[in-house]
Amino acid sequence: MKKYLLLGLLGLFLIACSSLPTVRNLPPQQKTERLFKVEQRDVNGGLKQSSLLSLSTQPQAWRWVQSDPLGAPIARVILNNKGWQNDGFVMPNQQAKQLFSAIATALNTTPLFTFSHVEQTLQATTYFVDNKQVWRIIPRQSGIDIELADMSYWHIEELN
């Protein structure tokens, strides 16, 4: 039991220490309000958790609010030119910041962040910060799939 607890704490520590890319700019958006269905998947594609993500964009700040199916907030953060800032009293969620950074990257053709390297194949685009992979984006017919550096898998679908 102690071994599993130690491994869990080590995993949380590594997630907390993972670096986020530096913000280059926040390009203007055509839609100021966007809503997404977010599904965390296991390695085999099975559903682990579903949530709702709201994105509100203004010229100088983008507000991200992720909530569980009952409406309880999972993450509330603001992205501006200085980086990520917590919004309200929700506990900091480093994994959500990684996920939201990947979603923002997928939604914009103009680079938002500074990457040390980007690898593009026919199936996916992989992004690196300090030569360490931070996420991989795979376009799908029904949205996008994202693989984060912590080996979590996500399916993102925009709702109309």
N, C-alpha and C. Protein backbone atom coordinates (compact mmCIF):
# COMPACT_ATOMS: atom_id res chain seq x y z
N MET A 1 0.81 -1.18 0.00
CA MET A 1 0.00 0.00 0.00
C MET A 1 0.86 1.26 0.00
N LYS A 2 1.93 1.23 0.80
CA LYS A 2 2.82 2.39 0.86
C LYS A 2 3.47 2.64 -0.49
N LYS A 3 3.77 1.56 -1.20
CA LYS A 3 4.40 1.70 -2.51
C LYS A 3 3.48 2.43 -3.49
N TYR A 4 2.18 2.10 -3.48
CA TYR A 4 1.23 2.75 -4.37
C TYR A 4 1.03 4.22 -4.00
N LEU A 5 1.00 4.49 -2.70
CA LEU A 5 0.87 5.86 -2.24
C LEU A 5 2.08 6.68 -2.67
N LEU A 6 3.27 6.11 -2.53
CA LEU A 6 4.50 6.79 -2.93
C LEU A 6 4.52 7.04 -4.43
N LEU A 7 4.10 6.04 -5.21
CA LEU A 7 4.05 6.22 -6.67
C LEU A 7 3.04 7.30 -7.05
N GLY A 8 1.90 7.33 -6.37
CA GLY A 8 0.90 8.36 -6.65
C GLY A 8 1.42 9.76 -6.34
N LEU A 9 2.08 9.90 -5.19
CA LEU A 9 2.65 11.19 -4.83
C LEU A 9 3.75 11.61 -5.79
N LEU A 10 4.57 10.65 -6.22
CA LEU A 10 5.62 10.95 -7.20
C LEU A 10 5.01 11.41 -8.52
N GLY A 11 3.93 10.76 -8.94
CA GLY A 11 3.25 11.17 -10.17
C GLY A 11 2.70 12.58 -10.08
N LEU A 12 2.07 12.91 -8.94
CA LEU A 12 1.57 14.27 -8.75
C LEU A 12 2.70 15.28 -8.73
N PHE A 13 3.81 14.93 -8.13
CA PHE A 13 4.97 15.82 -8.10
C PHE A 13 5.49 16.07 -9.51
N LEU A 14 5.59 15.01 -10.30
CA LEU A 14 6.09 15.18 -11.67
C LEU A 14 5.15 16.02 -12.52
N ILE A 15 3.85 15.84 -12.32
CA ILE A 15 2.89 16.66 -13.06
C ILE A 15 3.04 18.11 -12.66
N ALA A 16 3.19 18.37 -11.36
CA ALA A 16 3.32 19.74 -10.87
C ALA A 16 4.60 20.40 -11.38
N CYS A 17 5.63 19.61 -11.61
CA CYS A 17 6.91 20.17 -12.05
C CYS A 17 7.02 20.30 -13.57
N SER A 18 6.06 19.74 -14.28
CA SER A 18 6.17 19.80 -15.73
C SER A 18 6.04 21.24 -16.20
N SER A 19 6.81 21.57 -17.19
CA SER A 19 6.86 22.97 -17.63
C SER A 19 5.76 23.26 -18.65
N LEU A 20 5.25 24.44 -18.57
CA LEU A 20 4.28 24.93 -19.54
C LEU A 20 5.02 25.84 -20.51
N PRO A 21 4.60 25.86 -21.75
CA PRO A 21 5.25 26.75 -22.71
C PRO A 21 4.99 28.22 -22.40
N THR A 22 5.89 29.06 -22.85
CA THR A 22 5.77 30.51 -22.68
C THR A 22 4.78 31.05 -23.70
N VAL A 23 3.92 31.96 -23.25
CA VAL A 23 2.92 32.57 -24.14
C VAL A 23 3.61 33.56 -25.07
N ARG A 24 3.35 33.41 -26.37
CA ARG A 24 3.86 34.36 -27.36
C ARG A 24 2.87 35.50 -27.55
N ASN A 25 1.63 35.13 -27.84
CA ASN A 25 0.56 36.12 -28.02
C ASN A 25 -0.78 35.42 -27.97
N LEU A 26 -1.81 36.19 -27.74
CA LEU A 26 -3.17 35.68 -27.77
C LEU A 26 -3.85 36.28 -28.99
N PRO A 27 -3.95 35.52 -30.09
CA PRO A 27 -4.55 36.08 -31.30
C PRO A 27 -6.05 36.33 -31.11
N PRO A 28 -6.58 37.30 -31.83
CA PRO A 28 -8.03 37.57 -31.75
C PRO A 28 -8.81 36.33 -32.19
N GLN A 29 -9.97 36.13 -31.57
CA GLN A 29 -10.80 34.97 -31.87
C GLN A 29 -12.11 35.43 -32.51
N GLN A 30 -12.61 34.65 -33.46
CA GLN A 30 -13.89 34.98 -34.08
C GLN A 30 -15.05 34.75 -33.11
N LYS A 31 -14.97 33.67 -32.33
CA LYS A 31 -15.99 33.38 -31.34
C LYS A 31 -15.45 33.77 -29.97
N THR A 32 -16.24 34.52 -29.21
CA THR A 32 -15.79 34.90 -27.86
C THR A 32 -16.21 33.88 -26.81
N GLU A 33 -17.17 33.02 -27.13
CA GLU A 33 -17.64 31.98 -26.21
C GLU A 33 -17.61 30.64 -26.95
N ARG A 34 -16.96 29.65 -26.34
CA ARG A 34 -16.92 28.30 -26.92
C ARG A 34 -17.17 27.29 -25.81
N LEU A 35 -17.79 26.18 -26.18
CA LEU A 35 -18.13 25.13 -25.23
C LEU A 35 -17.64 23.79 -25.79
N PHE A 36 -17.01 22.98 -24.94
CA PHE A 36 -16.43 21.71 -25.36
C PHE A 36 -16.85 20.57 -24.44
N LYS A 37 -17.02 19.41 -25.04
CA LYS A 37 -17.15 18.17 -24.26
C LYS A 37 -15.74 17.60 -24.16
N VAL A 38 -15.32 17.30 -22.93
CA VAL A 38 -13.97 16.80 -22.68
C VAL A 38 -14.10 15.39 -22.09
N GLU A 39 -13.45 14.43 -22.74
CA GLU A 39 -13.48 13.05 -22.24
C GLU A 39 -12.06 12.58 -22.01
N GLN A 40 -11.79 12.15 -20.77
CA GLN A 40 -10.50 11.52 -20.50
C GLN A 40 -10.66 10.05 -20.80
N ARG A 41 -9.71 9.51 -21.55
CA ARG A 41 -9.76 8.11 -21.98
C ARG A 41 -8.60 7.33 -21.38
N ASP A 42 -8.79 6.02 -21.25
CA ASP A 42 -7.67 5.17 -20.84
C ASP A 42 -6.89 4.76 -22.08
N VAL A 43 -5.84 3.99 -21.90
CA VAL A 43 -4.96 3.60 -23.01
C VAL A 43 -5.72 2.84 -24.09
N ASN A 44 -6.75 2.10 -23.71
CA ASN A 44 -7.53 1.31 -24.68
C ASN A 44 -8.69 2.09 -25.29
N GLY A 45 -8.82 3.38 -24.94
CA GLY A 45 -9.88 4.20 -25.49
C GLY A 45 -11.15 4.22 -24.67
N GLY A 46 -11.17 3.51 -23.54
CA GLY A 46 -12.35 3.51 -22.68
C GLY A 46 -12.51 4.82 -21.93
N LEU A 47 -13.74 5.21 -21.69
CA LEU A 47 -14.04 6.47 -21.02
C LEU A 47 -13.70 6.39 -19.53
N LYS A 48 -12.90 7.35 -19.04
CA LYS A 48 -12.58 7.44 -17.62
C LYS A 48 -13.42 8.53 -16.94
N GLN A 49 -13.54 9.68 -17.60
CA GLN A 49 -14.31 10.78 -17.03
C GLN A 49 -14.75 11.71 -18.14
N SER A 50 -15.92 12.33 -17.95
CA SER A 50 -16.43 13.34 -18.88
C SER A 50 -16.56 14.66 -18.13
N SER A 51 -16.37 15.74 -18.85
CA SER A 51 -16.55 17.06 -18.26
C SER A 51 -16.93 18.05 -19.35
N LEU A 52 -17.27 19.23 -18.91
CA LEU A 52 -17.64 20.31 -19.81
C LEU A 52 -16.61 21.42 -19.65
N LEU A 53 -16.19 22.00 -20.75
CA LEU A 53 -15.19 23.07 -20.73
C LEU A 53 -15.76 24.29 -21.43
N SER A 54 -15.72 25.41 -20.74
CA SER A 54 -16.17 26.69 -21.29
C SER A 54 -14.94 27.56 -21.50
N LEU A 55 -14.85 28.19 -22.67
CA LEU A 55 -13.77 29.11 -23.00
C LEU A 55 -14.38 30.45 -23.38
N SER A 56 -14.00 31.49 -22.63
CA SER A 56 -14.42 32.86 -22.93
C SER A 56 -13.17 33.65 -23.29
N THR A 57 -13.17 34.24 -24.49
CA THR A 57 -11.98 34.96 -24.94
C THR A 57 -12.24 36.46 -25.00
N GLN A 58 -11.28 37.20 -24.52
CA GLN A 58 -11.23 38.64 -24.65
C GLN A 58 -9.86 38.95 -25.23
N PRO A 59 -9.63 40.15 -25.75
CA PRO A 59 -8.33 40.42 -26.39
C PRO A 59 -7.12 40.17 -25.51
N GLN A 60 -7.19 40.41 -24.21
CA GLN A 60 -6.02 40.29 -23.35
C GLN A 60 -6.05 39.08 -22.41
N ALA A 61 -7.16 38.33 -22.38
CA ALA A 61 -7.25 37.20 -21.45
C ALA A 61 -8.29 36.20 -21.94
N TRP A 62 -7.96 34.92 -21.74
CA TRP A 62 -8.89 33.83 -22.06
C TRP A 62 -9.21 33.12 -20.76
N ARG A 63 -10.49 32.97 -20.46
CA ARG A 63 -10.92 32.32 -19.22
C ARG A 63 -11.41 30.91 -19.54
N TRP A 64 -10.85 29.92 -18.84
CA TRP A 64 -11.17 28.52 -19.02
C TRP A 64 -11.84 28.01 -17.74
N VAL A 65 -13.01 27.38 -17.88
CA VAL A 65 -13.70 26.79 -16.74
C VAL A 65 -14.11 25.38 -17.13
N GLN A 66 -13.58 24.41 -16.40
CA GLN A 66 -13.91 23.00 -16.63
C GLN A 66 -14.73 22.52 -15.43
N SER A 67 -15.86 21.86 -15.70
CA SER A 67 -16.72 21.38 -14.62
C SER A 67 -17.12 19.93 -14.87
N ASP A 68 -17.41 19.23 -13.77
CA ASP A 68 -17.85 17.84 -13.88
C ASP A 68 -19.31 17.79 -14.31
N PRO A 69 -19.88 16.60 -14.55
CA PRO A 69 -21.27 16.51 -15.02
C PRO A 69 -22.31 17.14 -14.09
N LEU A 70 -21.97 17.30 -12.80
CA LEU A 70 -22.90 17.93 -11.87
C LEU A 70 -22.69 19.44 -11.76
N GLY A 71 -21.72 19.97 -12.49
CA GLY A 71 -21.47 21.41 -12.50
C GLY A 71 -20.42 21.89 -11.53
N ALA A 72 -19.81 20.98 -10.77
CA ALA A 72 -18.75 21.38 -9.83
C ALA A 72 -17.47 21.69 -10.61
N PRO A 73 -16.82 22.80 -10.29
CA PRO A 73 -15.61 23.16 -11.04
C PRO A 73 -14.45 22.20 -10.78
N ILE A 74 -13.79 21.81 -11.86
CA ILE A 74 -12.58 20.99 -11.80
C ILE A 74 -11.37 21.91 -11.92
N ALA A 75 -11.48 22.89 -12.80
CA ALA A 75 -10.40 23.85 -13.02
C ALA A 75 -10.98 25.18 -13.47
N ARG A 76 -10.40 26.27 -12.97
CA ARG A 76 -10.76 27.63 -13.40
C ARG A 76 -9.46 28.41 -13.49
N VAL A 77 -9.09 28.77 -14.70
CA VAL A 77 -7.84 29.50 -14.91
C VAL A 77 -8.02 30.55 -16.00
N ILE A 78 -7.11 31.50 -15.98
CA ILE A 78 -7.09 32.55 -17.00
C ILE A 78 -5.73 32.51 -17.69
N LEU A 79 -5.75 32.56 -19.01
CA LEU A 79 -4.51 32.64 -19.80
C LEU A 79 -4.41 34.07 -20.32
N ASN A 80 -3.29 34.72 -20.00
CA ASN A 80 -3.03 36.05 -20.56
C ASN A 80 -1.58 36.07 -21.04
N ASN A 81 -1.09 37.22 -21.45
CA ASN A 81 0.26 37.31 -22.00
C ASN A 81 1.35 36.98 -20.98
N LYS A 82 1.01 36.96 -19.70
CA LYS A 82 1.98 36.61 -18.65
C LYS A 82 1.96 35.12 -18.34
N GLY A 83 1.01 34.39 -18.89
CA GLY A 83 0.89 32.96 -18.63
C GLY A 83 -0.41 32.62 -17.94
N TRP A 84 -0.41 31.50 -17.21
CA TRP A 84 -1.60 31.00 -16.54
C TRP A 84 -1.73 31.58 -15.14
N GLN A 85 -2.97 31.93 -14.78
CA GLN A 85 -3.27 32.42 -13.44
C GLN A 85 -4.53 31.73 -12.95
N ASN A 86 -4.56 31.38 -11.66
CA ASN A 86 -5.76 30.77 -11.09
C ASN A 86 -6.88 31.80 -11.06
N ASP A 87 -8.10 31.30 -11.18
CA ASP A 87 -9.29 32.14 -11.19
C ASP A 87 -10.23 31.63 -10.10
N GLY A 88 -10.32 32.33 -9.01
CA GLY A 88 -11.21 31.91 -7.94
C GLY A 88 -10.52 31.00 -6.94
N PHE A 89 -11.34 30.20 -6.26
CA PHE A 89 -10.84 29.38 -5.15
C PHE A 89 -10.70 27.91 -5.49
N VAL A 90 -10.70 27.55 -6.75
CA VAL A 90 -10.52 26.16 -7.15
C VAL A 90 -9.03 25.81 -7.00
N MET A 91 -8.75 24.62 -6.50
CA MET A 91 -7.37 24.17 -6.33
C MET A 91 -6.62 24.25 -7.66
N PRO A 92 -5.33 24.61 -7.64
CA PRO A 92 -4.54 24.61 -8.88
C PRO A 92 -4.56 23.23 -9.53
N ASN A 93 -4.65 23.20 -10.83
CA ASN A 93 -4.73 21.94 -11.58
C ASN A 93 -3.76 22.02 -12.75
N GLN A 94 -2.54 21.54 -12.53
CA GLN A 94 -1.49 21.61 -13.55
C GLN A 94 -1.85 20.82 -14.80
N GLN A 95 -2.49 19.66 -14.62
CA GLN A 95 -2.87 18.85 -15.77
C GLN A 95 -3.88 19.60 -16.64
N ALA A 96 -4.81 20.32 -16.01
CA ALA A 96 -5.79 21.10 -16.78
C ALA A 96 -5.09 22.20 -17.56
N LYS A 97 -4.11 22.85 -16.97
CA LYS A 97 -3.37 23.89 -17.71
C LYS A 97 -2.66 23.30 -18.92
N GLN A 98 -2.08 22.11 -18.77
CA GLN A 98 -1.45 21.43 -19.91
C GLN A 98 -2.49 21.14 -20.98
N LEU A 99 -3.63 20.59 -20.56
CA LEU A 99 -4.70 20.25 -21.51
C LEU A 99 -5.22 21.49 -22.21
N PHE A 100 -5.48 22.57 -21.46
CA PHE A 100 -5.99 23.79 -22.07
C PHE A 100 -4.97 24.41 -23.02
N SER A 101 -3.69 24.32 -22.68
CA SER A 101 -2.64 24.81 -23.59
C SER A 101 -2.66 24.04 -24.90
N ALA A 102 -2.83 22.71 -24.80
CA ALA A 102 -2.90 21.89 -26.01
C ALA A 102 -4.14 22.22 -26.84
N ILE A 103 -5.28 22.43 -26.18
CA ILE A 103 -6.50 22.79 -26.89
C ILE A 103 -6.33 24.14 -27.59
N ALA A 104 -5.76 25.11 -26.88
CA ALA A 104 -5.54 26.44 -27.48
C ALA A 104 -4.63 26.33 -28.69
N THR A 105 -3.63 25.47 -28.61
CA THR A 105 -2.72 25.25 -29.74
C THR A 105 -3.48 24.66 -30.92
N ALA A 106 -4.34 23.69 -30.65
CA ALA A 106 -5.10 23.03 -31.72
C ALA A 106 -6.10 23.97 -32.37
N LEU A 107 -6.64 24.93 -31.62
CA LEU A 107 -7.67 25.82 -32.15
C LEU A 107 -7.13 26.96 -32.99
N ASN A 108 -5.83 27.23 -32.90
CA ASN A 108 -5.27 28.41 -33.56
C ASN A 108 -4.15 28.04 -34.53
N THR A 109 -4.21 28.64 -35.71
CA THR A 109 -3.13 28.44 -36.68
C THR A 109 -1.93 29.32 -36.34
N THR A 110 -2.18 30.45 -35.67
CA THR A 110 -1.11 31.32 -35.20
C THR A 110 -0.53 30.74 -33.92
N PRO A 111 0.79 30.59 -33.82
CA PRO A 111 1.36 30.01 -32.60
C PRO A 111 1.11 30.89 -31.37
N LEU A 112 0.55 30.30 -30.33
CA LEU A 112 0.30 30.99 -29.07
C LEU A 112 1.49 30.89 -28.14
N PHE A 113 2.22 29.79 -28.23
CA PHE A 113 3.28 29.47 -27.29
C PHE A 113 4.62 29.31 -28.01
N THR A 114 5.68 29.38 -27.22
CA THR A 114 7.02 29.16 -27.75
C THR A 114 7.40 27.71 -27.51
N PHE A 115 7.71 26.99 -28.58
CA PHE A 115 8.10 25.59 -28.49
C PHE A 115 9.56 25.46 -28.94
N SER A 116 10.25 24.49 -28.35
CA SER A 116 11.63 24.26 -28.76
C SER A 116 11.66 23.43 -30.05
N HIS A 117 10.58 22.68 -30.28
CA HIS A 117 10.55 21.80 -31.45
C HIS A 117 9.11 21.36 -31.69
N VAL A 118 8.75 21.20 -32.95
CA VAL A 118 7.43 20.67 -33.33
C VAL A 118 7.66 19.62 -34.41
N GLU A 119 7.09 18.43 -34.20
CA GLU A 119 7.18 17.35 -35.19
C GLU A 119 5.79 17.11 -35.76
N GLN A 120 5.70 17.14 -37.09
CA GLN A 120 4.41 16.93 -37.73
C GLN A 120 4.47 15.70 -38.62
N THR A 121 3.48 14.81 -38.47
CA THR A 121 3.32 13.65 -39.34
C THR A 121 1.92 13.74 -39.95
N LEU A 122 1.57 12.78 -40.78
CA LEU A 122 0.23 12.77 -41.37
C LEU A 122 -0.84 12.55 -40.31
N GLN A 123 -0.51 11.82 -39.24
CA GLN A 123 -1.51 11.48 -38.23
C GLN A 123 -1.58 12.48 -37.07
N ALA A 124 -0.46 13.11 -36.70
CA ALA A 124 -0.44 13.93 -35.48
C ALA A 124 0.64 14.99 -35.54
N THR A 125 0.54 15.94 -34.60
CA THR A 125 1.57 16.95 -34.40
C THR A 125 2.01 16.87 -32.95
N THR A 126 3.32 16.76 -32.73
CA THR A 126 3.88 16.63 -31.39
C THR A 126 4.66 17.88 -31.06
N TYR A 127 4.42 18.42 -29.85
CA TYR A 127 5.02 19.68 -29.43
C TYR A 127 6.00 19.43 -28.28
N PHE A 128 7.12 20.17 -28.29
CA PHE A 128 8.18 20.00 -27.31
C PHE A 128 8.52 21.35 -26.68
N VAL A 129 8.78 21.34 -25.36
CA VAL A 129 9.29 22.48 -24.62
C VAL A 129 10.58 22.02 -23.96
N ASP A 130 11.65 22.76 -24.16
CA ASP A 130 12.97 22.36 -23.66
C ASP A 130 13.32 20.94 -24.11
N ASN A 131 12.95 20.64 -25.35
CA ASN A 131 13.19 19.34 -25.98
C ASN A 131 12.54 18.17 -25.27
N LYS A 132 11.49 18.43 -24.47
CA LYS A 132 10.70 17.38 -23.83
C LYS A 132 9.29 17.47 -24.39
N GLN A 133 8.74 16.32 -24.77
CA GLN A 133 7.39 16.31 -25.33
C GLN A 133 6.39 16.78 -24.28
N VAL A 134 5.55 17.76 -24.66
CA VAL A 134 4.52 18.24 -23.74
C VAL A 134 3.13 17.75 -24.13
N TRP A 135 2.86 17.61 -25.44
CA TRP A 135 1.60 17.02 -25.88
C TRP A 135 1.67 16.66 -27.35
N ARG A 136 0.69 15.85 -27.71
CA ARG A 136 0.54 15.39 -29.09
C ARG A 136 -0.93 15.59 -29.45
N ILE A 137 -1.17 16.21 -30.60
CA ILE A 137 -2.53 16.51 -31.05
C ILE A 137 -2.83 15.68 -32.30
N ILE A 138 -3.95 14.94 -32.23
CA ILE A 138 -4.36 14.07 -33.33
C ILE A 138 -5.74 14.53 -33.80
N PRO A 139 -5.84 15.08 -35.02
CA PRO A 139 -7.15 15.50 -35.53
C PRO A 139 -8.04 14.28 -35.78
N ARG A 140 -9.30 14.38 -35.41
CA ARG A 140 -10.29 13.33 -35.65
C ARG A 140 -11.49 13.97 -36.34
N GLN A 141 -12.30 13.15 -36.94
CA GLN A 141 -13.48 13.67 -37.63
C GLN A 141 -14.44 14.32 -36.64
N SER A 142 -14.50 13.81 -35.41
CA SER A 142 -15.43 14.34 -34.42
C SER A 142 -14.76 15.26 -33.40
N GLY A 143 -13.58 15.79 -33.69
CA GLY A 143 -12.89 16.68 -32.77
C GLY A 143 -11.39 16.44 -32.82
N ILE A 144 -10.75 16.46 -31.66
CA ILE A 144 -9.32 16.19 -31.59
C ILE A 144 -9.03 15.26 -30.41
N ASP A 145 -7.98 14.49 -30.54
CA ASP A 145 -7.45 13.69 -29.44
C ASP A 145 -6.15 14.33 -29.01
N ILE A 146 -5.92 14.33 -27.70
CA ILE A 146 -4.71 14.92 -27.15
C ILE A 146 -4.07 13.92 -26.20
N GLU A 147 -2.77 13.75 -26.35
CA GLU A 147 -2.00 12.92 -25.43
C GLU A 147 -1.03 13.85 -24.71
N LEU A 148 -1.15 13.93 -23.38
CA LEU A 148 -0.27 14.79 -22.60
C LEU A 148 0.99 14.03 -22.20
N ALA A 149 1.98 14.76 -21.72
CA ALA A 149 3.25 14.16 -21.32
C ALA A 149 3.09 13.19 -20.16
N ASP A 150 2.05 13.35 -19.34
CA ASP A 150 1.82 12.43 -18.22
C ASP A 150 1.12 11.15 -18.67
N MET A 151 1.02 10.97 -19.99
CA MET A 151 0.40 9.80 -20.62
C MET A 151 -1.11 9.73 -20.39
N SER A 152 -1.75 10.86 -20.18
CA SER A 152 -3.21 10.90 -20.12
C SER A 152 -3.72 11.18 -21.54
N TYR A 153 -4.87 10.61 -21.85
CA TYR A 153 -5.45 10.71 -23.19
C TYR A 153 -6.79 11.41 -23.09
N TRP A 154 -7.04 12.33 -24.01
CA TRP A 154 -8.23 13.16 -23.98
C TRP A 154 -8.86 13.25 -25.36
N HIS A 155 -10.18 13.25 -25.41
CA HIS A 155 -10.91 13.53 -26.64
C HIS A 155 -11.70 14.82 -26.42
N ILE A 156 -11.52 15.78 -27.31
CA ILE A 156 -12.15 17.09 -27.19
C ILE A 156 -13.08 17.30 -28.37
N GLU A 157 -14.31 17.66 -28.08
CA GLU A 157 -15.30 17.90 -29.13
C GLU A 157 -16.02 19.20 -28.84
N GLU A 158 -16.02 20.11 -29.81
CA GLU A 158 -16.71 21.39 -29.62
C GLU A 158 -18.21 21.18 -29.76
N LEU A 159 -18.96 21.80 -28.85
CA LEU A 159 -20.42 21.76 -28.88
C LEU A 159 -20.91 23.06 -29.50
N ASN A 160 -21.98 22.99 -30.26
CA ASN A 160 -22.53 24.19 -30.90
C ASN A 160 -23.58 24.83 -30.07
